[in-house]
Amino acid sequence: MKLLWGDIHNHCAITYGLGSLDNALEVARRHLDFVSVTPHAFWPDIPPREPRTEFLVDFHEEGFAKIARNWKAVRQAIDDADNPGAFSTLFSFEMHSSRYGDHHFVSPDSTLEIARRDTPREVILANAARAIAVPHHIGYTPGYRGIDWEAFDEKITPVVEVVSKHGCAMHENSGFPYYHDMGPLDSRNTAFSGLRQGKRFGFVGSTDHHAGFPGSFGDGKVAVLARANTREDIFDALKRRNCYAVTGSRIRCSFSLNDAIMGEEIAARDSYDLAYAVEASAAIDRMVIFRNLEPMHIVDGWKLPARGGRYKLRLELGWGDNGEESYPWHVRLRVDGGRLCGSEIGVRGRSVISPTQRMQGGEEINRPRFTPVEMEGQEAHFFCETFRNNSTLSPSTALMICEVEGMPSTRVLYEINGRRVEATIAQLLQNGLSEQVMPYNSQAFKIHTAVPCGKYAIEGALHFPDDGAGFYHMEVRQFDGDAAYVSPIFIKR
């Protein structure tokens, strides 16, 4: 099985949003394994049009009419971008609903039609194409675009989007609160609340980005365990719930119970063997395995050994007051006395919190401004552009994370826009460092303190007798706040 990373719910100017579809697909191709770019399509119970709702209704209806005119061309562009084995595209559209909560419908079929119906089930039944209904930003108030757990139907909804740009709705203490203009998180509409009511579903994340930048770092992604990088295999993995949600970093997770993996169902046994493995992108704060939503096994990151041999080096780029203009970064990393054995990037598009937000840039607002890391022997090269941070709590920085195999004496040399920084792994294990590009309100880079593999890679196994539980799931959190939420394994009783 392959671990693949994607975003199956994000927007651009094909309805109400910013950024071109071509740019969105190119952004996704450069740093994701699969994508679905989602048009807003209809809202059956939209509030009546009156003076105070006139803008709301007209704004949405204009977007719906736009995709109705262009749906065939949009599907064709998405179809043309599909490259089985390397990069896969899926088809989707979104339904707003005050009562049932918003859903996006995801399909591997290019024949997917926008079926305007009153309920998610009716949308599925009205479509000849195969599709699943995925509720998103579930945590809003019931009846106010939050999920309706009473109407939840696991036959059409195998997975639920638990994290996106709106926040995280796993549980009240997830750490990513709802601060969108649509309102706060209602604890009745968390994933924990649904599971407590006996609903069965897996977890996915996506960005819900509204300016054509799928996979924007920190806004949510989905990881799937699929046989291959094809539409069919990715769709099958989602239907089987062989998937999990991350907030930002690509935290690699393995979770199994006897012969079942994440998302699957297993018949009750006299005893169970549970196995887990995690490779994070930064130091692990904690890992928790839950039994019926109660912690049964906790790994405390503070107590993990500082075992070496491999190390994660994290370079962060951005800051400054460059306003509407982007700032370019050219990075070269060389390793002496060790070897580069992996890399990961975190890139963000211009942040658009609400589709009504007025920003400059139009269709070019989020043209691709980065390249994947190119690794050649002991060297890695990376290019990106960044914008200033929107606020002290809203970063627009970019990341290059490299894994190095070596010893404390291994030397690393960064060249960042012509500036040279050289240090040993031992030095970086003690302290990271930062540099400003200019004297004041400057762009800057930060080389974070290095992390040894004992702090970011863990695995373990538990053996225990049958305890009457209905399901088990796993959550992982890094010290930087990034998290992974691994789909439950359910016990059939």
Protein backbone atom coordinates (compact mmCIF):
# COMPACT_ATOMS: atom_id res chain seq x y z
CA MET A 1 0.00 0.00 0.00
CA LYS A 2 1.18 3.53 -0.82
CA LEU A 3 0.77 6.50 1.50
CA LEU A 4 -0.51 9.36 -0.68
CA TRP A 5 -1.21 12.99 0.22
CA GLY A 6 -4.00 15.12 -1.17
CA ASP A 7 -6.64 17.82 -0.84
CA ILE A 8 -10.18 16.89 -1.92
CA HIS A 9 -11.92 20.13 -0.97
CA ASN A 10 -10.64 23.52 -2.11
CA HIS A 11 -11.92 26.35 -4.29
CA CYS A 12 -10.90 28.88 -6.91
CA ALA A 13 -12.53 31.27 -9.36
CA ILE A 14 -14.63 28.59 -11.08
CA THR A 15 -17.38 29.79 -8.72
CA TYR A 16 -16.95 32.43 -6.01
CA GLY A 17 -13.30 32.41 -5.12
CA LEU A 18 -10.00 33.61 -6.51
CA GLY A 19 -7.29 32.08 -8.66
CA SER A 20 -7.49 30.18 -11.92
CA LEU A 21 -8.26 26.47 -12.21
CA ASP A 22 -5.09 25.92 -14.26
CA ASN A 23 -2.95 27.44 -11.52
CA ALA A 24 -4.73 25.42 -8.83
CA LEU A 25 -4.08 22.17 -10.69
CA GLU A 26 -0.43 23.08 -11.28
CA VAL A 27 0.05 24.00 -7.60
CA ALA A 28 -1.40 20.62 -6.61
CA ARG A 29 0.74 18.72 -9.11
CA ARG A 30 3.92 20.24 -7.68
CA HIS A 31 3.43 19.19 -4.07
CA LEU A 32 0.50 16.75 -3.75
CA ASP A 33 -0.22 13.22 -4.99
CA PHE A 34 -3.89 13.89 -5.76
CA VAL A 35 -6.46 16.67 -5.73
CA SER A 36 -10.06 17.57 -6.32
CA VAL A 37 -10.79 21.23 -7.04
CA THR A 38 -14.33 21.89 -5.84
CA PRO A 39 -16.93 24.31 -7.22
CA HIS A 40 -19.73 25.61 -4.99
CA ALA A 41 -22.86 24.36 -6.72
CA PHE A 42 -26.14 25.02 -4.85
CA TRP A 43 -27.86 25.81 -1.56
CA PRO A 44 -31.40 24.37 -1.41
CA ASP A 45 -32.42 26.06 1.87
CA ILE A 46 -30.66 29.36 1.37
CA PRO A 47 -32.26 32.12 3.49
CA PRO A 48 -35.04 34.10 1.74
CA ARG A 49 -33.87 37.13 -0.22
CA GLU A 50 -34.69 40.32 1.68
CA PRO A 51 -32.81 43.58 2.25
CA ARG A 52 -30.46 42.19 4.89
CA THR A 53 -29.73 38.98 2.92
CA GLU A 54 -29.71 40.47 -0.57
CA PHE A 55 -25.92 40.39 -0.91
CA LEU A 56 -25.67 36.87 0.55
CA VAL A 57 -28.24 35.39 -1.82
CA ASP A 58 -27.07 37.20 -4.95
CA PHE A 59 -23.41 36.44 -4.26
CA HIS A 60 -24.07 32.71 -3.98
CA GLU A 61 -26.51 32.46 -6.86
CA GLU A 62 -24.05 34.17 -9.20
CA GLY A 63 -21.43 31.59 -8.30
CA PHE A 64 -23.86 28.71 -8.77
CA ALA A 65 -24.90 30.02 -12.19
CA LYS A 66 -21.24 30.37 -13.21
CA ILE A 67 -20.39 26.70 -12.59
CA ALA A 68 -23.66 25.56 -14.19
CA ARG A 69 -22.50 27.28 -17.40
CA ASN A 70 -18.94 26.00 -17.24
CA TRP A 71 -19.17 22.58 -15.57
CA LYS A 72 -18.36 20.63 -18.73
CA ALA A 73 -15.20 22.67 -19.37
CA VAL A 74 -14.16 22.43 -15.71
CA ARG A 75 -14.54 18.64 -15.73
CA GLN A 76 -12.50 18.45 -18.93
CA ALA A 77 -9.64 20.48 -17.46
CA ILE A 78 -9.60 18.31 -14.34
CA ASP A 79 -9.70 15.18 -16.48
CA ASP A 80 -6.82 16.40 -18.63
CA ALA A 81 -4.65 16.97 -15.53
CA ASP A 82 -4.93 13.34 -14.42
CA ASN A 83 -1.68 11.37 -14.75
CA PRO A 84 -2.18 7.87 -13.30
CA GLY A 85 0.75 6.64 -11.26
CA ALA A 86 2.13 10.14 -10.69
CA PHE A 87 -0.73 12.55 -9.99
CA SER A 88 -4.45 11.88 -9.79
CA THR A 89 -7.44 14.18 -10.06
CA LEU A 90 -10.93 13.52 -8.73
CA PHE A 91 -14.19 15.34 -9.44
CA SER A 92 -16.31 17.12 -6.87
CA PHE A 93 -18.86 19.82 -6.19
CA GLU A 94 -20.25 21.37 -3.01
CA MET A 95 -23.74 21.63 -1.59
CA HIS A 96 -24.49 24.15 1.14
CA SER A 97 -27.21 23.25 3.59
CA SER A 98 -28.39 25.04 6.70
CA ARG A 99 -30.09 21.92 8.02
CA TYR A 100 -27.74 19.09 7.00
CA GLY A 101 -24.49 21.04 6.98
CA ASP A 102 -22.28 21.59 3.96
CA HIS A 103 -21.10 18.57 1.95
CA HIS A 104 -18.80 18.04 -0.99
CA PHE A 105 -19.42 15.11 -3.30
CA VAL A 106 -16.30 13.31 -4.52
CA SER A 107 -16.14 10.95 -7.48
CA PRO A 108 -13.60 9.19 -9.72
CA ASP A 109 -15.99 9.51 -12.67
CA SER A 110 -15.70 12.31 -15.23
CA THR A 111 -19.44 11.93 -15.78
CA LEU A 112 -20.25 13.38 -12.36
CA GLU A 113 -23.23 15.72 -12.70
CA ILE A 114 -24.26 18.55 -10.42
CA ALA A 115 -27.56 17.17 -9.17
CA ARG A 116 -29.38 19.92 -7.31
CA ARG A 117 -31.41 18.15 -4.62
CA ASP A 118 -32.53 18.89 -1.07
CA THR A 119 -30.54 16.26 0.84
CA PRO A 120 -27.11 14.66 0.46
CA ARG A 121 -28.68 11.24 -0.07
CA GLU A 122 -30.89 12.55 -2.87
CA VAL A 123 -27.83 14.06 -4.56
CA ILE A 124 -26.08 10.68 -4.51
CA LEU A 125 -29.14 8.78 -5.73
CA ALA A 126 -29.74 11.26 -8.55
CA ASN A 127 -26.24 10.74 -9.94
CA ALA A 128 -25.27 7.93 -12.28
CA ALA A 129 -21.63 8.55 -11.37
CA ARG A 130 -20.17 6.92 -8.27
CA ALA A 131 -19.74 9.43 -5.46
CA ILE A 132 -19.42 9.83 -1.72
CA ALA A 133 -20.79 12.71 0.36
CA VAL A 134 -18.21 14.29 2.65
CA PRO A 135 -19.51 16.72 5.31
CA HIS A 136 -17.12 19.55 6.14
CA HIS A 137 -16.71 22.30 8.75
CA ILE A 138 -19.00 20.02 10.74
CA GLY A 139 -18.52 21.91 14.02
CA TYR A 140 -20.79 24.86 13.32
CA THR A 141 -24.08 25.23 15.16
CA PRO A 142 -26.73 22.61 14.30
CA GLY A 143 -29.10 24.16 11.77
CA TYR A 144 -26.52 26.82 10.97
CA ARG A 145 -24.35 24.95 8.47
CA GLY A 146 -23.08 22.44 11.06
CA ILE A 147 -23.56 18.69 10.58
CA ASP A 148 -26.88 17.02 11.40
CA TRP A 149 -25.82 13.85 13.21
CA GLU A 150 -29.40 12.54 13.29
CA ALA A 151 -29.48 12.54 9.48
CA PHE A 152 -25.94 11.15 9.10
CA ASP A 153 -25.82 8.14 6.75
CA GLU A 154 -22.61 6.10 6.74
CA LYS A 155 -23.72 4.30 3.57
CA ILE A 156 -23.07 7.45 1.55
CA THR A 157 -20.60 9.10 3.94
CA PRO A 158 -17.65 6.87 4.83
CA VAL A 159 -15.45 9.82 5.86
CA VAL A 160 -15.91 13.19 7.52
CA GLU A 161 -13.69 16.25 7.08
CA VAL A 162 -12.54 17.01 10.62
CA VAL A 163 -9.97 19.74 9.92
CA SER A 164 -9.66 22.56 7.40
CA LYS A 165 -9.04 26.29 7.24
CA HIS A 166 -12.17 26.68 9.40
CA GLY A 167 -10.50 24.86 12.31
CA CYS A 168 -10.54 21.38 13.83
CA ALA A 169 -13.76 19.70 14.96
CA MET A 170 -12.35 16.46 16.34
CA HIS A 171 -13.17 17.46 19.91
CA GLU A 172 -13.39 20.50 22.13
CA ASN A 173 -9.67 20.36 22.96
CA SER A 174 -8.30 19.85 19.46
CA GLY A 175 -6.35 23.09 19.59
CA PHE A 176 -7.53 24.66 16.30
CA PRO A 177 -10.58 26.78 17.23
CA TYR A 178 -13.22 28.05 14.82
CA TYR A 179 -12.69 31.77 14.14
CA HIS A 180 -14.24 32.10 10.69
CA ASP A 181 -17.04 34.66 10.30
CA MET A 182 -19.52 31.76 10.27
CA GLY A 183 -19.18 31.35 14.02
CA PRO A 184 -17.70 29.21 16.83
CA LEU A 185 -17.26 25.48 17.30
CA ASP A 186 -20.32 23.83 18.86
CA SER A 187 -19.22 20.80 20.91
CA ARG A 188 -22.43 18.93 19.94
CA ASN A 189 -21.10 18.80 16.39
CA THR A 190 -17.60 17.45 16.94
CA ALA A 191 -16.39 14.13 15.55
CA PHE A 192 -16.26 12.79 19.11
CA SER A 193 -19.95 13.64 19.49
CA GLY A 194 -20.85 11.70 16.35
CA LEU A 195 -18.77 8.68 17.33
CA ARG A 196 -20.30 8.74 20.80
CA GLN A 197 -23.72 8.44 19.14
CA GLY A 198 -22.64 5.27 17.36
CA LYS A 199 -21.90 6.79 13.93
CA ARG A 200 -19.08 5.12 12.01
CA PHE A 201 -16.78 7.15 9.79
CA GLY A 202 -13.15 7.84 9.00
CA PHE A 203 -11.27 11.12 9.22
CA VAL A 204 -10.06 13.34 6.39
CA GLY A 205 -8.68 16.84 6.21
CA SER A 206 -8.64 19.35 3.37
CA THR A 207 -7.90 23.04 3.11
CA ASP A 208 -11.22 24.58 2.03
CA HIS A 209 -8.90 27.23 0.59
CA HIS A 210 -10.76 29.83 -1.49
CA ALA A 211 -7.96 31.19 -3.66
CA GLY A 212 -6.73 28.32 -5.80
CA PHE A 213 -3.97 26.84 -3.63
CA PRO A 214 -4.73 23.17 -2.87
CA GLY A 215 -2.72 21.75 0.00
CA SER A 216 -1.84 25.14 1.50
CA PHE A 217 0.30 24.27 4.52
CA GLY A 218 -1.41 24.36 7.89
CA ASP A 219 -4.96 24.29 6.52
CA GLY A 220 -5.47 20.51 6.40
CA LYS A 221 -4.68 17.55 4.16
CA VAL A 222 -5.76 13.94 3.78
CA ALA A 223 -3.47 10.91 3.72
CA VAL A 224 -4.76 7.73 2.10
CA LEU A 225 -3.40 4.20 2.04
CA ALA A 226 -4.01 3.15 -1.56
CA ARG A 227 -2.78 0.38 -3.84
CA ALA A 228 -1.60 2.89 -6.44
CA ASN A 229 -1.85 6.55 -7.33
CA THR A 230 -4.96 6.30 -9.47
CA ARG A 231 -8.46 7.74 -9.17
CA GLU A 232 -9.96 4.32 -8.63
CA ASP A 233 -7.54 3.31 -5.88
CA ILE A 234 -7.76 6.64 -4.05
CA PHE A 235 -11.57 6.60 -4.21
CA ASP A 236 -11.60 2.99 -2.95
CA ALA A 237 -9.30 3.95 -0.06
CA LEU A 238 -11.67 6.76 0.94
CA LYS A 239 -14.65 4.42 0.78
CA ARG A 240 -12.82 1.88 2.95
CA ARG A 241 -11.82 4.67 5.38
CA ASN A 242 -8.14 3.74 4.90
CA CYS A 243 -7.16 7.34 5.52
CA TYR A 244 -6.44 10.01 8.10
CA ALA A 245 -6.36 13.78 8.53
CA VAL A 246 -3.39 16.04 9.20
CA THR A 247 -3.40 19.73 9.98
CA GLY A 248 -0.14 20.54 8.19
CA SER A 249 2.97 18.37 8.43
CA ARG A 250 3.04 15.01 6.68
CA ILE A 251 3.00 12.91 9.82
CA ARG A 252 3.34 9.31 8.62
CA CYS A 253 1.10 6.97 10.60
CA SER A 254 0.52 3.23 10.67
CA PHE A 255 -2.26 1.81 12.84
CA SER A 256 -3.57 -1.77 12.85
CA LEU A 257 -5.57 -4.15 15.02
CA ASN A 258 -4.86 -7.80 14.25
CA ASP A 259 -5.47 -8.01 10.48
CA ALA A 260 -7.41 -4.72 10.18
CA ILE A 261 -5.88 -1.36 9.31
CA MET A 262 -7.17 2.16 9.97
CA GLY A 263 -10.81 2.65 9.04
CA GLU A 264 -11.68 -1.03 8.74
CA GLU A 265 -13.96 -3.27 10.74
CA ILE A 266 -12.90 -6.42 12.57
CA ALA A 267 -14.96 -9.17 14.18
CA ALA A 268 -14.78 -9.37 17.96
CA ARG A 269 -11.92 -11.55 19.26
CA ASP A 270 -10.90 -12.98 22.61
CA SER A 271 -7.80 -10.78 22.47
CA TYR A 272 -6.22 -8.16 20.24
CA ASP A 273 -2.80 -7.17 18.98
CA LEU A 274 -2.59 -3.46 18.25
CA ALA A 275 0.42 -2.06 16.39
CA TYR A 276 1.32 1.55 15.68
CA ALA A 277 4.16 3.49 14.08
CA VAL A 278 4.62 7.24 13.65
CA GLU A 279 7.20 9.29 11.80
CA ALA A 280 6.55 12.96 12.45
CA SER A 281 8.04 16.02 10.77
CA ALA A 282 9.10 17.55 14.09
CA ALA A 283 9.46 16.41 17.68
CA ILE A 284 6.42 14.49 18.95
CA ASP A 285 4.60 16.11 21.86
CA ARG A 286 2.29 13.17 22.49
CA MET A 287 0.69 10.18 20.86
CA VAL A 288 -2.61 8.87 22.24
CA ILE A 289 -4.47 5.69 21.40
CA PHE A 290 -8.14 5.95 22.32
CA ARG A 291 -10.58 3.19 23.20
CA ASN A 292 -14.15 4.44 22.79
CA LEU A 293 -12.80 8.02 22.97
CA GLU A 294 -11.00 7.38 26.27
CA PRO A 295 -7.17 7.32 26.34
CA MET A 296 -5.80 3.78 26.76
CA HIS A 297 -2.15 4.36 25.83
CA ILE A 298 -0.15 7.61 25.87
CA VAL A 299 3.37 8.28 24.65
CA ASP A 300 4.83 11.42 26.27
CA GLY A 301 7.21 13.16 23.88
CA TRP A 302 9.20 14.69 26.72
CA LYS A 303 10.20 11.18 27.78
CA LEU A 304 11.31 9.95 24.35
CA PRO A 305 15.05 9.20 24.11
CA ALA A 306 17.28 11.53 22.10
CA ARG A 307 18.44 8.63 19.95
CA GLY A 308 20.38 9.75 16.88
CA GLY A 309 21.48 8.31 13.55
CA ARG A 310 18.89 10.30 11.61
CA TYR A 311 17.84 13.91 12.13
CA LYS A 312 15.15 16.28 10.90
CA LEU A 313 16.40 19.71 9.80
CA ARG A 314 13.69 22.34 9.47
CA LEU A 315 14.23 25.58 7.55
CA GLU A 316 11.51 28.24 7.72
CA LEU A 317 11.36 31.21 5.33
CA GLY A 318 9.29 34.40 5.26
CA TRP A 319 8.31 37.26 7.58
CA GLY A 320 8.95 40.85 6.45
CA ASP A 321 6.69 43.68 5.33
CA ASN A 322 6.67 43.11 1.59
CA GLY A 323 2.93 43.86 1.38
CA GLU A 324 1.18 42.59 -1.72
CA GLU A 325 4.46 41.59 -3.36
CA SER A 326 6.02 38.18 -2.95
CA TYR A 327 9.60 37.66 -1.82
CA PRO A 328 11.79 35.04 -3.55
CA TRP A 329 13.94 32.46 -1.75
CA HIS A 330 16.67 30.34 -3.33
CA VAL A 331 17.94 27.59 -1.04
CA ARG A 332 20.80 25.11 -1.39
CA LEU A 333 21.62 22.54 1.29
CA ARG A 334 24.78 20.41 1.24
CA VAL A 335 25.59 17.58 3.68
CA ASP A 336 29.18 16.50 4.41
CA GLY A 337 29.84 13.30 6.33
CA GLY A 338 26.27 12.05 6.02
CA ARG A 339 23.50 11.67 3.48
CA LEU A 340 20.18 13.25 2.61
CA CYS A 341 17.47 10.61 2.84
CA GLY A 342 14.21 12.54 2.47
CA SER A 343 12.53 15.91 2.24
CA GLU A 344 9.19 17.62 2.71
CA ILE A 345 7.99 21.12 1.91
CA GLY A 346 5.29 23.26 3.43
CA VAL A 347 4.07 26.03 1.12
CA ARG A 348 1.11 28.33 1.56
CA GLY A 349 -1.01 30.29 -0.86
CA ARG A 350 -2.25 33.79 -0.24
CA SER A 351 -4.68 33.27 2.59
CA VAL A 352 -8.37 33.89 1.88
CA ILE A 353 -10.53 33.28 4.92
CA SER A 354 -13.89 34.02 3.33
CA PRO A 355 -14.95 33.93 -0.35
CA THR A 356 -16.41 37.41 0.07
CA GLN A 357 -12.96 38.73 0.99
CA ARG A 358 -11.73 41.30 -1.51
CA MET A 359 -8.10 40.83 -2.44
CA GLN A 360 -5.89 41.87 -5.32
CA GLY A 361 -4.50 39.31 -7.70
CA GLY A 362 -7.51 37.91 -9.55
CA GLU A 363 -6.78 34.67 -11.36
CA GLU A 364 -3.03 35.08 -10.77
CA ILE A 365 -3.32 35.50 -7.00
CA ASN A 366 -1.82 32.08 -6.35
CA ARG A 367 0.13 31.17 -9.43
CA PRO A 368 2.70 28.49 -8.54
CA ARG A 369 5.52 30.25 -6.70
CA PHE A 370 7.61 27.27 -5.65
CA THR A 371 9.36 24.16 -6.91
CA PRO A 372 9.59 20.76 -5.24
CA VAL A 373 12.87 19.98 -3.48
CA GLU A 374 15.39 18.64 -5.97
CA MET A 375 17.84 16.21 -4.37
CA GLU A 376 21.11 15.43 -6.14
CA GLY A 377 23.49 13.26 -4.13
CA GLN A 378 24.32 15.17 -0.97
CA GLU A 379 22.65 18.39 -2.10
CA ALA A 380 19.08 19.66 -2.05
CA HIS A 381 17.70 22.69 -3.91
CA PHE A 382 14.47 24.54 -3.23
CA PHE A 383 12.82 27.71 -4.53
CA CYS A 384 9.73 29.46 -3.17
CA GLU A 385 8.17 32.87 -2.71
CA THR A 386 6.54 34.10 0.48
CA PHE A 387 4.27 36.94 1.59
CA ARG A 388 4.24 38.80 4.88
CA ASN A 389 2.33 37.19 7.74
CA ASN A 390 -1.28 38.35 7.97
CA SER A 391 -0.96 38.66 11.73
CA THR A 392 1.12 37.33 14.59
CA LEU A 393 -1.21 34.30 14.67
CA SER A 394 -1.54 33.76 10.91
CA PRO A 395 1.76 32.67 9.32
CA SER A 396 2.56 32.83 5.62
CA THR A 397 6.00 31.27 5.98
CA ALA A 398 7.32 28.36 3.91
CA LEU A 399 9.17 25.27 5.12
CA MET A 400 11.81 22.91 3.79
CA ILE A 401 12.27 19.86 6.03
CA CYS A 402 15.11 17.47 5.27
CA GLU A 403 16.01 14.19 6.92
CA VAL A 404 19.74 13.58 7.25
CA GLU A 405 21.45 10.33 8.15
CA GLY A 406 24.73 10.92 9.91
CA MET A 407 26.52 11.62 13.16
CA PRO A 408 26.78 14.63 15.47
CA SER A 409 29.96 15.58 13.55
CA THR A 410 28.10 15.65 10.21
CA ARG A 411 28.27 19.15 8.72
CA VAL A 412 25.46 20.90 6.89
CA LEU A 413 25.85 23.99 4.75
CA TYR A 414 22.90 26.19 3.84
CA GLU A 415 23.11 28.81 1.12
CA ILE A 416 20.00 31.01 1.39
CA ASN A 417 19.76 33.87 -1.09
CA GLY A 418 23.56 33.98 -1.15
CA ARG A 419 24.02 33.86 2.63
CA ARG A 420 26.02 30.93 3.97
CA VAL A 421 25.30 29.17 7.25
CA GLU A 422 27.44 26.19 8.23
CA ALA A 423 27.07 24.05 11.34
CA THR A 424 27.43 20.51 12.63
CA ILE A 425 24.47 18.39 13.62
CA ALA A 426 25.77 18.59 17.21
CA GLN A 427 25.59 22.39 17.10
CA LEU A 428 22.08 22.37 15.64
CA LEU A 429 20.93 19.89 18.30
CA GLN A 430 21.85 22.53 20.89
CA ASN A 431 20.38 25.59 19.17
CA GLY A 432 18.81 26.70 15.95
CA LEU A 433 19.42 30.16 14.56
CA SER A 434 17.84 32.92 12.52
CA GLU A 435 19.03 35.75 10.28
CA GLN A 436 17.38 38.90 8.96
CA VAL A 437 17.80 39.91 5.34
CA MET A 438 17.57 43.66 5.96
CA PRO A 439 17.96 45.95 9.00
CA TYR A 440 14.27 46.54 9.81
CA ASN A 441 10.90 44.73 9.37
CA SER A 442 12.86 42.31 7.32
CA GLN A 443 12.31 39.03 5.62
CA ALA A 444 14.13 36.37 7.59
CA PHE A 445 14.95 32.71 7.75
CA LYS A 446 15.08 30.38 10.70
CA ILE A 447 16.96 27.10 10.98
CA HIS A 448 15.11 25.30 13.75
CA THR A 449 16.85 23.22 16.38
CA ALA A 450 17.58 19.81 14.87
CA VAL A 451 15.49 16.84 16.05
CA PRO A 452 17.00 13.34 16.50
CA CYS A 453 14.99 10.38 15.23
CA GLY A 454 14.24 9.13 18.75
CA LYS A 455 12.10 12.24 19.18
CA TYR A 456 10.14 12.03 15.90
CA ALA A 457 9.90 8.30 15.10
CA ILE A 458 8.14 5.85 17.41
CA GLU A 459 6.53 2.45 17.14
CA GLY A 460 4.98 -0.02 19.52
CA ALA A 461 2.56 -2.86 20.09
CA LEU A 462 -0.13 -3.64 22.65
CA HIS A 463 -1.69 -7.00 23.49
CA PHE A 464 -4.89 -7.00 25.51
CA PRO A 465 -8.03 -9.12 26.08
CA ASP A 466 -11.39 -8.23 24.60
CA ASP A 467 -12.75 -5.33 26.63
CA GLY A 468 -16.10 -4.76 24.95
CA ALA A 469 -14.90 -1.66 23.10
CA GLY A 470 -16.57 -0.51 19.91
CA PHE A 471 -13.61 1.21 18.26
CA TYR A 472 -10.03 2.41 18.64
CA HIS A 473 -8.30 5.40 17.06
CA MET A 474 -5.01 7.30 17.31
CA GLU A 475 -4.05 10.98 17.55
CA VAL A 476 -0.56 12.45 17.25
CA ARG A 477 0.57 15.99 18.05
CA GLN A 478 3.93 17.60 17.39
CA PHE A 479 5.42 20.24 19.69
CA ASP A 480 4.85 22.82 16.93
CA GLY A 481 1.10 22.11 17.17
CA ASP A 482 0.66 20.13 13.97
CA ALA A 483 -1.47 17.02 14.45
CA ALA A 484 -2.70 13.82 12.82
CA TYR A 485 -6.07 12.16 13.43
CA VAL A 486 -6.08 8.50 12.40
CA SER A 487 -9.36 6.87 11.38
CA PRO A 488 -10.86 4.38 13.85
CA ILE A 489 -10.82 0.62 13.62
CA PHE A 490 -14.29 -0.61 14.51
CA ILE A 491 -15.24 -3.82 16.31
CA LYS A 492 -18.18 -5.69 14.83
CA ARG A 493 -20.34 -7.09 17.63
